[in-house]
C-alpha atoms as a PDB file:
ATOM      1  CA  MET A   1      -9.981   7.532   3.041  1.00  0.00           C
ATOM      2  CA  LYS A   2     -13.589   6.384   3.080  1.00  0.00           C
ATOM      3  CA  PHE A   3     -15.569   5.656   6.233  1.00  0.00           C
ATOM      4  CA  ALA A   4     -18.091   2.909   6.862  1.00  0.00           C
ATOM      5  CA  LEU A   5     -20.312   3.129   9.942  1.00  0.00           C
ATOM      6  CA  ALA A   6     -21.607  -0.009  11.627  1.00  0.00           C
ATOM      7  CA  THR A   7     -25.397  -0.087  11.966  1.00  0.00           C
ATOM      8  CA  PRO A   8     -26.367  -0.925  15.559  1.00  0.00           C
ATOM      9  CA  ALA A   9     -29.214  -3.098  16.881  1.00  0.00           C
ATOM     10  CA  LEU A  10     -29.388  -5.260  13.734  1.00  0.00           C
ATOM     11  CA  ASN A  11     -27.557  -7.890  15.733  1.00  0.00           C
ATOM     12  CA  ASN A  12     -26.734  -8.495  19.382  1.00  0.00           C
ATOM     13  CA  TYR A  13     -23.128  -9.619  19.041  1.00  0.00           C
ATOM     14  CA  PRO A  14     -21.902  -9.617  22.654  1.00  0.00           C
ATOM     15  CA  ALA A  15     -18.362  -8.420  21.930  1.00  0.00           C
ATOM     16  CA  ALA A  16     -19.567  -5.177  20.341  1.00  0.00           C
ATOM     17  CA  MET A  17     -23.086  -4.514  21.645  1.00  0.00           C
ATOM     18  CA  ALA A  18     -23.837  -1.308  23.542  1.00  0.00           C
ATOM     19  CA  PRO A  19     -26.166  -1.409  26.586  1.00  0.00           C
ATOM     20  CA  TRP A  20     -29.039   0.349  24.761  1.00  0.00           C
ATOM     21  CA  GLU A  21     -29.101  -1.920  21.699  1.00  0.00           C
ATOM     22  CA  PRO A  22     -31.191  -4.878  23.012  1.00  0.00           C
ATOM     23  CA  ARG A  23     -34.113  -2.500  23.612  1.00  0.00           C
ATOM     24  CA  ALA A  24     -33.781  -0.739  20.247  1.00  0.00           C
ATOM     25  CA  GLY A  25     -35.851  -1.470  17.177  1.00  0.00           C
ATOM     26  CA  GLY A  26     -36.825  -0.033  13.824  1.00  0.00           C
ATOM     27  CA  PRO A  27     -37.435   3.573  14.902  1.00  0.00           C
ATOM     28  CA  GLU A  28     -33.962   3.888  16.431  1.00  0.00           C
ATOM     29  CA  ILE A  29     -32.216   2.157  13.534  1.00  0.00           C
ATOM     30  CA  LEU A  30     -33.950   4.368  10.957  1.00  0.00           C
ATOM     31  CA  ARG A  31     -33.186   7.510  12.923  1.00  0.00           C
ATOM     32  CA  TYR A  32     -29.544   6.421  13.187  1.00  0.00           C
ATOM     33  CA  ALA A  33     -29.366   5.770   9.418  1.00  0.00           C
ATOM     34  CA  ARG A  34     -30.875   9.166   8.609  1.00  0.00           C
ATOM     35  CA  LYS A  35     -28.417  10.848  10.952  1.00  0.00           C
ATOM     36  CA  ALA A  36     -25.480   9.184   9.210  1.00  0.00           C
ATOM     37  CA  ASP A  37     -27.015  10.091   5.850  1.00  0.00           C
ATOM     38  CA  SER A  38     -27.066  13.758   6.852  1.00  0.00           C
ATOM     39  CA  LEU A  39     -23.347  13.633   7.641  1.00  0.00           C
ATOM     40  CA  SER A  40     -20.423  12.528   5.459  1.00  0.00           C
ATOM     41  CA  TRP A  41     -20.243   8.762   6.171  1.00  0.00           C
ATOM     42  CA  ASP A  42     -19.750   6.721   2.989  1.00  0.00           C
ATOM     43  CA  TRP A  43     -21.415   3.438   3.959  1.00  0.00           C
ATOM     44  CA  LEU A  44     -23.650   1.879   6.560  1.00  0.00           C
ATOM     45  CA  THR A  45     -22.560  -1.705   7.191  1.00  0.00           C
ATOM     46  CA  ILE A  46     -25.228  -4.394   7.494  1.00  0.00           C
ATOM     47  CA  PRO A  47     -24.493  -7.633   9.403  1.00  0.00           C
ATOM     48  CA  GLU A  48     -26.158 -10.911   8.467  1.00  0.00           C
ATOM     49  CA  HIS A  49     -26.771 -14.506   9.450  1.00  0.00           C
ATOM     50  CA  ILE A  50     -29.828 -16.420   8.272  1.00  0.00           C
ATOM     51  CA  VAL A  51     -30.025 -18.677  11.334  1.00  0.00           C
ATOM     52  CA  MET A  52     -27.920 -18.886  14.472  1.00  0.00           C
ATOM     53  CA  PRO A  53     -27.072 -22.324  15.896  1.00  0.00           C
ATOM     54  CA  THR A  54     -28.222 -22.458  19.503  1.00  0.00           C
ATOM     55  CA  ASP A  55     -24.768 -23.452  20.699  1.00  0.00           C
ATOM     56  CA  MET A  56     -23.375 -20.189  19.251  1.00  0.00           C
ATOM     57  CA  LYS A  57     -25.885 -17.893  20.962  1.00  0.00           C
ATOM     58  CA  GLU A  58     -23.632 -17.129  23.930  1.00  0.00           C
ATOM     59  CA  VAL A  59     -20.731 -15.900  21.788  1.00  0.00           C
ATOM     60  CA  MET A  60     -22.567 -14.505  18.748  1.00  0.00           C
ATOM     61  CA  GLY A  61     -26.000 -13.545  20.075  1.00  0.00           C
ATOM     62  CA  SER A  62     -29.382 -14.553  18.702  1.00  0.00           C
ATOM     63  CA  ARG A  63     -30.362 -11.564  16.553  1.00  0.00           C
ATOM     64  CA  PHE A  64     -28.960 -11.040  13.061  1.00  0.00           C
ATOM     65  CA  ALA A  65     -30.826  -9.177  10.337  1.00  0.00           C
ATOM     66  CA  GLU A  66     -31.294 -10.487   6.813  1.00  0.00           C
ATOM     67  CA  GLY A  67     -28.910  -8.324   4.824  1.00  0.00           C
ATOM     68  CA  ILE A  68     -30.874  -7.622   1.655  1.00  0.00           C
ATOM     69  CA  ALA A  69     -34.135  -6.753   3.412  1.00  0.00           C
ATOM     70  CA  ALA A  70     -32.289  -4.507   5.876  1.00  0.00           C
ATOM     71  CA  SER A  71     -30.375  -2.795   3.066  1.00  0.00           C
ATOM     72  CA  ALA A  72     -33.576  -2.183   1.104  1.00  0.00           C
ATOM     73  CA  VAL A  73     -35.348  -0.582   4.060  1.00  0.00           C
ATOM     74  CA  LEU A  74     -32.364   1.609   4.913  1.00  0.00           C
ATOM     75  CA  MET A  75     -31.861   2.643   1.292  1.00  0.00           C
ATOM     76  CA  GLY A  76     -35.499   3.688   1.201  1.00  0.00           C
ATOM     77  CA  ALA A  77     -35.059   5.698   4.393  1.00  0.00           C
ATOM     78  CA  THR A  78     -31.962   7.578   3.179  1.00  0.00           C
ATOM     79  CA  GLU A  79     -30.921   9.631   0.154  1.00  0.00           C
ATOM     80  CA  ARG A  80     -27.139   9.628  -0.153  1.00  0.00           C
ATOM     81  CA  ILE A  81     -25.329   7.025   1.919  1.00  0.00           C
ATOM     82  CA  HIS A  82     -24.439   3.593   0.515  1.00  0.00           C
ATOM     83  CA  MET A  83     -25.189   0.206   2.104  1.00  0.00           C
ATOM     84  CA  LEU A  84     -22.509  -2.473   2.543  1.00  0.00           C
ATOM     85  CA  THR A  85     -23.366  -6.014   3.636  1.00  0.00           C
ATOM     86  CA  TYR A  86     -20.697  -6.981   6.144  1.00  0.00           C
ATOM     87  CA  ILE A  87     -20.895  -9.806   5.294  1.00  0.00           C
ATOM     88  CA  LEU A  88     -23.403 -11.794   3.255  1.00  0.00           C
ATOM     89  CA  ALA A  89     -22.432 -15.467   2.826  1.00  0.00           C
ATOM     90  CA  LEU A  90     -22.754 -15.916  -0.930  1.00  0.00           C
ATOM     91  CA  PRO A  91     -23.664 -19.633  -1.102  1.00  0.00           C
ATOM     92  CA  TYR A  92     -26.906 -19.009   0.824  1.00  0.00           C
ATOM     93  CA  ARG A  93     -28.745 -17.573  -2.215  1.00  0.00           C
ATOM     94  CA  HIS A  94     -29.093 -18.592  -5.826  1.00  0.00           C
ATOM     95  CA  PRO A  95     -27.141 -15.941  -7.770  1.00  0.00           C
ATOM     96  CA  LEU A  96     -30.123 -15.059  -9.966  1.00  0.00           C
ATOM     97  CA  VAL A  97     -32.250 -14.345  -6.892  1.00  0.00           C
ATOM     98  CA  LEU A  98     -29.496 -12.194  -5.400  1.00  0.00           C
ATOM     99  CA  ALA A  99     -28.868 -10.430  -8.716  1.00  0.00           C
ATOM    100  CA  LYS A 100     -32.559  -9.568  -8.947  1.00  0.00           C
ATOM    101  CA  GLN A 101     -32.760  -8.365  -5.334  1.00  0.00           C
ATOM    102  CA  ILE A 102     -29.751  -6.085  -5.686  1.00  0.00           C
ATOM    103  CA  GLY A 103     -30.734  -4.881  -9.148  1.00  0.00           C
ATOM    104  CA  THR A 104     -34.173  -3.939  -7.851  1.00  0.00           C
ATOM    105  CA  MET A 105     -32.753  -2.041  -4.864  1.00  0.00           C
ATOM    106  CA  GLU A 106     -30.358  -0.142  -7.072  1.00  0.00           C
ATOM    107  CA  PHE A 107     -33.066   0.646  -9.631  1.00  0.00           C
ATOM    108  CA  LEU A 108     -35.312   2.136  -6.943  1.00  0.00           C
ATOM    109  CA  ALA A 109     -32.634   3.893  -4.873  1.00  0.00           C
ATOM    110  CA  GLY A 110     -30.328   5.162  -7.612  1.00  0.00           C
ATOM    111  CA  GLY A 111     -27.487   2.762  -6.859  1.00  0.00           C
ATOM    112  CA  ARG A 112     -25.952   3.000  -3.381  1.00  0.00           C
ATOM    113  CA  PHE A 113     -25.259  -0.681  -2.679  1.00  0.00           C
ATOM    114  CA  THR A 114     -21.975  -2.536  -2.190  1.00  0.00           C
ATOM    115  CA  LEU A 115     -22.012  -6.316  -1.888  1.00  0.00           C
ATOM    116  CA  GLY A 116     -19.751  -7.371   0.948  1.00  0.00           C
ATOM    117  CA  THR A 117     -19.575 -11.133   0.701  1.00  0.00           C
ATOM    118  CA  ALA A 118     -17.570 -14.212   1.617  1.00  0.00           C
ATOM    119  CA  VAL A 119     -17.816 -17.992   1.725  1.00  0.00           C
ATOM    120  CA  GLY A 120     -19.337 -18.142   5.239  1.00  0.00           C
ATOM    121  CA  HIS A 121     -18.053 -20.120   8.201  1.00  0.00           C
ATOM    122  CA  LEU A 122     -20.891 -21.507  10.373  1.00  0.00           C
ATOM    123  CA  GLU A 123     -21.155 -25.150   9.321  1.00  0.00           C
ATOM    124  CA  ARG A 124     -24.456 -25.690  11.161  1.00  0.00           C
ATOM    125  CA  GLU A 125     -25.963 -22.738   9.282  1.00  0.00           C
ATOM    126  CA  PHE A 126     -25.034 -24.384   5.976  1.00  0.00           C
ATOM    127  CA  GLU A 127     -26.473 -27.714   7.110  1.00  0.00           C
ATOM    128  CA  THR A 128     -29.759 -26.101   8.156  1.00  0.00           C
ATOM    129  CA  LEU A 129     -30.097 -24.385   4.783  1.00  0.00           C
ATOM    130  CA  GLY A 130     -29.231 -27.576   2.894  1.00  0.00           C
ATOM    131  CA  ILE A 131     -26.060 -26.159   1.335  1.00  0.00           C
ATOM    132  CA  PRO A 132     -22.839 -28.243   1.140  1.00  0.00           C
ATOM    133  CA  PHE A 133     -20.362 -26.625   3.526  1.00  0.00           C
ATOM    134  CA  GLU A 134     -17.345 -28.303   1.928  1.00  0.00           C
ATOM    135  CA  GLN A 135     -18.247 -26.786  -1.468  1.00  0.00           C
ATOM    136  CA  ARG A 136     -18.619 -23.211  -0.252  1.00  0.00           C
ATOM    137  CA  GLY A 137     -15.353 -21.996  -1.833  1.00  0.00           C
ATOM    138  CA  PRO A 138     -16.025 -23.246  -5.376  1.00  0.00           C
ATOM    139  CA  MET A 139     -19.677 -22.190  -5.064  1.00  0.00           C
ATOM    140  CA  THR A 140     -18.668 -18.654  -4.113  1.00  0.00           C
ATOM    141  CA  ASP A 141     -16.254 -18.355  -7.032  1.00  0.00           C
ATOM    142  CA  GLU A 142     -18.904 -19.565  -9.455  1.00  0.00           C
ATOM    143  CA  TYR A 143     -21.684 -17.444  -7.969  1.00  0.00           C
ATOM    144  CA  LEU A 144     -19.554 -14.310  -8.292  1.00  0.00           C
ATOM    145  CA  LYS A 145     -19.125 -15.000 -12.009  1.00  0.00           C
ATOM    146  CA  ALA A 146     -22.840 -15.732 -12.415  1.00  0.00           C
ATOM    147  CA  LEU A 147     -23.819 -12.509 -10.635  1.00  0.00           C
ATOM    148  CA  LYS A 148     -21.688 -10.421 -12.969  1.00  0.00           C
ATOM    149  CA  GLU A 149     -23.131 -12.201 -15.999  1.00  0.00           C
ATOM    150  CA  ALA A 150     -26.695 -11.537 -14.826  1.00  0.00           C
ATOM    151  CA  TRP A 151     -25.927  -7.874 -14.126  1.00  0.00           C
ATOM    152  CA  THR A 152     -23.941  -7.006 -17.246  1.00  0.00           C
ATOM    153  CA  SER A 153     -25.287  -9.134 -20.107  1.00  0.00           C
ATOM    154  CA  GLU A 154     -28.397  -8.258 -22.114  1.00  0.00           C
ATOM    155  CA  HIS A 155     -29.044 -11.985 -22.565  1.00  0.00           C
ATOM    156  CA  PRO A 156     -27.364 -13.688 -19.588  1.00  0.00           C
ATOM    157  CA  LYS A 157     -25.938 -17.119 -20.158  1.00  0.00           C
ATOM    158  CA  PHE A 158     -23.999 -19.263 -17.690  1.00  0.00           C
ATOM    159  CA  HIS A 159     -23.112 -22.948 -17.443  1.00  0.00           C
ATOM    160  CA  GLY A 160     -21.262 -23.951 -14.292  1.00  0.00           C
ATOM    161  CA  ASP A 161     -21.105 -26.825 -11.836  1.00  0.00           C
ATOM    162  CA  PHE A 162     -23.620 -25.308  -9.421  1.00  0.00           C
ATOM    163  CA  VAL A 163     -25.791 -23.005 -11.532  1.00  0.00           C
ATOM    164  CA  LYS A 164     -26.878 -22.935 -15.147  1.00  0.00           C
ATOM    165  CA  PHE A 165     -29.054 -20.470 -17.043  1.00  0.00           C
ATOM    166  CA  ASP A 166     -29.705 -19.434 -20.645  1.00  0.00           C
ATOM    167  CA  ASN A 167     -32.445 -17.798 -22.734  1.00  0.00           C
ATOM    168  CA  ILE A 168     -33.485 -15.472 -19.908  1.00  0.00           C
ATOM    169  CA  LEU A 169     -33.755 -11.766 -19.200  1.00  0.00           C
ATOM    170  CA  VAL A 170     -32.735 -10.274 -15.861  1.00  0.00           C
ATOM    171  CA  GLU A 171     -33.976  -6.727 -15.304  1.00  0.00           C
ATOM    172  CA  PRO A 172     -33.896  -4.148 -13.851  1.00  0.00           C
ATOM    173  CA  LYS A 173     -30.141  -3.886 -14.133  1.00  0.00           C
ATOM    174  CA  PRO A 174     -28.149  -2.213 -11.352  1.00  0.00           C
ATOM    175  CA  VAL A 175     -27.532   1.526 -11.660  1.00  0.00           C
ATOM    176  CA  GLN A 176     -23.821   1.261 -10.841  1.00  0.00           C
ATOM    177  CA  LYS A 177     -21.769   0.168 -13.852  1.00  0.00           C
ATOM    178  CA  PRO A 178     -20.505  -2.264 -14.827  1.00  0.00           C
ATOM    179  CA  HIS A 179     -22.069  -3.670 -11.643  1.00  0.00           C
ATOM    180  CA  PRO A 180     -22.316  -2.841  -7.925  1.00  0.00           C
ATOM    181  CA  PRO A 181     -18.937  -3.008  -6.170  1.00  0.00           C
ATOM    182  CA  ILE A 182     -18.069  -6.373  -4.645  1.00  0.00           C
ATOM    183  CA  PHE A 183     -15.906  -6.500  -1.524  1.00  0.00           C
ATOM    184  CA  VAL A 184     -14.742  -9.994  -0.597  1.00  0.00           C
ATOM    185  CA  GLY A 185     -14.172 -10.929   3.033  1.00  0.00           C
ATOM    186  CA  GLY A 186     -11.907 -13.469   4.671  1.00  0.00           C
ATOM    187  CA  ASN A 187      -8.347 -13.664   5.930  1.00  0.00           C
ATOM    188  CA  SER A 188      -7.036 -16.800   4.203  1.00  0.00           C
ATOM    189  CA  PRO A 189      -4.851 -16.757   1.079  1.00  0.00           C
ATOM    190  CA  ALA A 190      -7.838 -18.230  -0.793  1.00  0.00           C
ATOM    191  CA  ALA A 191     -10.028 -15.311   0.315  1.00  0.00           C
ATOM    192  CA  MET A 192      -7.399 -12.774  -0.698  1.00  0.00           C
ATOM    193  CA  ARG A 193      -7.039 -14.461  -4.099  1.00  0.00           C
ATOM    194  CA  ARG A 194     -10.828 -14.378  -4.475  1.00  0.00           C
ATOM    195  CA  ALA A 195     -10.859 -10.663  -3.669  1.00  0.00           C
ATOM    196  CA  ALA A 196      -8.095  -9.946  -6.171  1.00  0.00           C
ATOM    197  CA  VAL A 197      -9.659 -12.015  -8.958  1.00  0.00           C
ATOM    198  CA  HIS A 198     -13.373 -11.349  -8.504  1.00  0.00           C
ATOM    199  CA  GLY A 199     -13.655  -8.334  -6.212  1.00  0.00           C
ATOM    200  CA  ASP A 200     -13.364  -4.590  -6.143  1.00  0.00           C
ATOM    201  CA  GLY A 201     -12.201  -4.625  -2.536  1.00  0.00           C
ATOM    202  CA  TRP A 202     -11.193  -6.747   0.442  1.00  0.00           C
ATOM    203  CA  ILE A 203     -12.814  -6.684   3.903  1.00  0.00           C
ATOM    204  CA  PRO A 204     -10.757  -8.804   6.303  1.00  0.00           C
ATOM    205  CA  TRP A 205     -11.761  -9.858   9.811  1.00  0.00           C
ATOM    206  CA  LEU A 206      -9.425  -9.561  12.828  1.00  0.00           C
ATOM    207  CA  VAL A 207      -6.584  -8.233  10.681  1.00  0.00           C
ATOM    208  CA  THR A 208      -4.499  -5.564  12.419  1.00  0.00           C
ATOM    209  CA  ALA A 209      -2.288  -2.764  11.151  1.00  0.00           C
ATOM    210  CA  GLU A 210       0.661  -5.065  11.841  1.00  0.00           C
ATOM    211  CA  ASP A 211      -0.810  -7.854   9.682  1.00  0.00           C
ATOM    212  CA  LEU A 212      -1.985  -5.671   6.826  1.00  0.00           C
ATOM    213  CA  PRO A 213       1.240  -4.972   4.855  1.00  0.00           C
ATOM    214  CA  GLY A 214       1.965  -8.670   4.398  1.00  0.00           C
ATOM    215  CA  CYS A 215      -1.571  -9.348   3.212  1.00  0.00           C
ATOM    216  CA  ILE A 216      -1.456  -6.477   0.747  1.00  0.00           C
ATOM    217  CA  ALA A 217       1.942  -7.596  -0.541  1.00  0.00           C
ATOM    218  CA  TYR A 218       0.470 -11.038  -1.227  1.00  0.00           C
ATOM    219  CA  MET A 219      -2.480  -9.600  -3.164  1.00  0.00           C
ATOM    220  CA  LYS A 220      -0.179  -7.305  -5.124  1.00  0.00           C
ATOM    221  CA  SER A 221       1.810 -10.375  -6.184  1.00  0.00           C
ATOM    222  CA  LEU A 222      -1.252 -11.780  -7.951  1.00  0.00           C
ATOM    223  CA  PRO A 223      -1.629 -10.909 -11.661  1.00  0.00           C
ATOM    224  CA  ALA A 224      -5.349 -10.167 -11.271  1.00  0.00           C
ATOM    225  CA  TYR A 225      -4.647  -7.389  -8.762  1.00  0.00           C
ATOM    226  CA  GLU A 226      -2.535  -5.212 -11.034  1.00  0.00           C
ATOM    227  CA  GLU A 227      -5.325  -3.972 -13.315  1.00  0.00           C
ATOM    228  CA  LYS A 228      -7.496  -2.861 -10.399  1.00  0.00           C
ATOM    229  CA  ALA A 229      -4.807  -1.639  -7.973  1.00  0.00           C
ATOM    230  CA  ASP A 230      -5.729   2.050  -8.352  1.00  0.00           C
ATOM    231  CA  ARG A 231      -9.399   1.464  -7.473  1.00  0.00           C
ATOM    232  CA  PHE A 232      -9.233  -1.517  -5.119  1.00  0.00           C
ATOM    233  CA  GLU A 233     -10.662  -0.789  -1.662  1.00  0.00           C
ATOM    234  CA  ILE A 234      -9.063  -2.305   1.426  1.00  0.00           C
ATOM    235  CA  LEU A 235     -11.553  -1.773   4.212  1.00  0.00           C
ATOM    236  CA  VAL A 236     -10.447  -2.666   7.737  1.00  0.00           C
ATOM    237  CA  THR A 237     -12.387  -2.306  10.967  1.00  0.00           C
ATOM    238  CA  THR A 238     -10.938   0.028  13.582  1.00  0.00           C
ATOM    239  CA  THR A 239     -12.358  -2.172  16.359  1.00  0.00           C
ATOM    240  CA  ALA A 240      -9.742  -4.394  18.010  1.00  0.00           C
ATOM    241  CA  TYR A 241     -12.014  -7.368  18.661  1.00  0.00           C
ATOM    242  CA  LYS A 242     -10.685  -9.678  21.359  1.00  0.00           C
ATOM    243  CA  VAL A 243     -12.332 -12.811  20.043  1.00  0.00           C
ATOM    244  CA  GLU A 244     -11.202 -16.068  18.492  1.00  0.00           C
ATOM    245  CA  ASP A 245     -11.574 -16.243  14.738  1.00  0.00           C
ATOM    246  CA  PHE A 246     -14.125 -18.992  14.072  1.00  0.00           C
ATOM    247  CA  SER A 247     -15.507 -19.721  17.553  1.00  0.00           C
ATOM    248  CA  HIS A 248     -16.039 -16.002  18.356  1.00  0.00           C
ATOM    249  CA  ALA A 249     -15.257 -16.824  21.994  1.00  0.00           C
ATOM    250  CA  GLU A 250     -14.110 -13.672  23.784  1.00  0.00           C
ATOM    251  CA  LYS A 251     -10.465 -13.613  24.898  1.00  0.00           C
ATOM    252  CA  GLY A 252     -10.942 -10.335  26.753  1.00  0.00           C
ATOM    253  CA  GLU A 253     -13.154  -7.276  26.641  1.00  0.00           C
ATOM    254  CA  THR A 254     -13.348  -5.615  23.238  1.00  0.00           C
ATOM    255  CA  GLU A 255     -12.733  -1.908  23.624  1.00  0.00           C
ATOM    256  CA  VAL A 256     -13.370   0.845  21.093  1.00  0.00           C
ATOM    257  CA  SER A 257     -11.200   3.949  21.147  1.00  0.00           C
ATOM    258  CA  SER A 258     -13.358   6.981  21.770  1.00  0.00           C
ATOM    259  CA  ASP A 259     -11.062   9.926  22.497  1.00  0.00           C
ATOM    260  CA  ARG A 260      -9.786  11.992  19.600  1.00  0.00           C
ATOM    261  CA  ASP A 261      -6.079  11.223  19.904  1.00  0.00           C
ATOM    262  CA  SER A 262      -6.578   7.453  20.190  1.00  0.00           C
ATOM    263  CA  VAL A 263      -8.986   7.373  17.266  1.00  0.00           C
ATOM    264  CA  LEU A 264      -6.610   9.372  15.086  1.00  0.00           C
ATOM    265  CA  ARG A 265      -3.698   7.077  15.983  1.00  0.00           C
ATOM    266  CA  ASP A 266      -5.732   3.963  15.120  1.00  0.00           C
ATOM    267  CA  ILE A 267      -6.747   5.270  11.705  1.00  0.00           C
ATOM    268  CA  GLU A 268      -3.304   6.661  10.916  1.00  0.00           C
ATOM    269  CA  ALA A 269      -1.781   3.251  11.659  1.00  0.00           C
ATOM    270  CA  LEU A 270      -4.244   1.489   9.349  1.00  0.00           C
ATOM    271  CA  GLN A 271      -3.760   4.085   6.624  1.00  0.00           C
ATOM    272  CA  LYS A 272       0.014   3.778   6.835  1.00  0.00           C
ATOM    273  CA  ALA A 273      -0.322  -0.014   6.628  1.00  0.00           C
ATOM    274  CA  GLY A 274      -2.313   0.275   3.403  1.00  0.00           C
ATOM    275  CA  ALA A 275      -5.998   0.524   4.296  1.00  0.00           C
ATOM    276  CA  THR A 276      -8.018   2.745   1.968  1.00  0.00           C
ATOM    277  CA  SER A 277     -11.200   2.632   4.060  1.00  0.00           C
ATOM    278  CA  VAL A 278     -12.172   1.882   7.638  1.00  0.00           C
ATOM    279  CA  GLN A 279     -15.256   0.491   9.307  1.00  0.00           C
ATOM    280  CA  VAL A 280     -16.115   2.262  12.544  1.00  0.00           C
ATOM    281  CA  MET A 281     -18.040   0.750  15.439  1.00  0.00           C
ATOM    282  CA  PRO A 282     -19.383   3.310  17.924  1.00  0.00           C
ATOM    283  CA  PRO A 283     -18.181   2.689  21.487  1.00  0.00           C
ATOM    284  CA  LYS A 284     -20.406   0.956  24.040  1.00  0.00           C
ATOM    285  CA  LEU A 285     -22.258   4.067  25.114  1.00  0.00           C
ATOM    286  CA  GLU A 286     -25.108   3.886  27.611  1.00  0.00           C
ATOM    287  CA  THR A 287     -27.818   5.571  25.573  1.00  0.00           C
ATOM    288  CA  PHE A 288     -28.969   5.887  21.984  1.00  0.00           C
ATOM    289  CA  GLU A 289     -28.772   9.683  22.136  1.00  0.00           C
ATOM    290  CA  GLN A 290     -25.122   9.466  23.181  1.00  0.00           C
ATOM    291  CA  CYS A 291     -24.491   7.252  20.163  1.00  0.00           C
ATOM    292  CA  LEU A 292     -26.032   9.806  17.803  1.00  0.00           C
ATOM    293  CA  ASP A 293     -23.900  12.542  19.343  1.00  0.00           C
ATOM    294  CA  TRP A 294     -20.793  10.376  18.985  1.00  0.00           C
ATOM    295  CA  ILE A 295     -21.214   9.674  15.267  1.00  0.00           C
ATOM    296  CA  GLU A 296     -21.709  13.396  14.670  1.00  0.00           C
ATOM    297  CA  TRP A 297     -18.597  14.188  16.728  1.00  0.00           C
ATOM    298  CA  TYR A 298     -16.632  11.630  14.714  1.00  0.00           C
ATOM    299  CA  ASP A 299     -17.888  13.116  11.458  1.00  0.00           C
ATOM    300  CA  GLN A 300     -16.793  16.610  12.479  1.00  0.00           C
ATOM    301  CA  GLU A 301     -13.552  15.863  14.332  1.00  0.00           C
ATOM    302  CA  ILE A 302     -12.081  12.752  12.735  1.00  0.00           C
ATOM    303  CA  ILE A 303     -13.248  12.222   9.160  1.00  0.00           C
ATOM    304  CA  PRO A 304     -12.073  15.650   7.861  1.00  0.00           C
ATOM    305  CA  GLN A 305      -8.509  14.746   8.891  1.00  0.00           C
ATOM    306  CA  PHE A 306      -8.424  11.964   6.291  1.00  0.00           C
ATOM    307  CA  ARG A 307     -10.436  13.279   3.355  1.00  0.00           C
END
């Protein structure tokens, strides 16, 4: 299995935030990233929202980093570990702008980026950015095709409903070939189809070990899945969030397993259900130093059991 580690203090999501995070800033985040880089974690996950509607502040918090800028800074501060946006709503950026941003990061950092993306779900965020919410599905499908064209073609050419380009050059190209991995998020059948057709992995939200086999069986039934089955990542969070899906309203207190036996049971259940990777959220520890100690403990005591 592979292991993705959530990056703290880039957001203040109430359901998952530790007591020390509201006071933390760049120095703590960079130190955390370098610590993870010195261990065996595969990815750091980067949360994102561009704006937060004021009526969502209570359930989602007010602070969310911009995913590309955060990834670029963290890639520059580390040497080995990969970044994974978890998740970047694809319709928010023109695909040529995003292709250039990611290509530049990869060129400078020697690869090390995975695009975790989805259609997005906050309608007010779409309205504020002037993007048609009702078209987010078709836009995402088209943007994924346009991204790959920009990354892989010497002379990119694309003519779609939402974006058109021709007679252009897009360089630098990404280091990872044929292009950086794309993990598609979302729990709906449409999202799973999108992951199977366009993606290299699937990153669901609020899907449990009990739900997972049925979802995987559905994706395996799709013709597009067969050719990538041996390399397709299914990355599931180990955190049992007690929140509603779209409203994010808490239905109870979200708890993160922290003792060795519970952590092992959680991962074993996900692995048995079909997960190939997990995203780990550190528990709500009181201090930053305790958090650093915990991710090192996890690296030494848990990860070797699944490599």
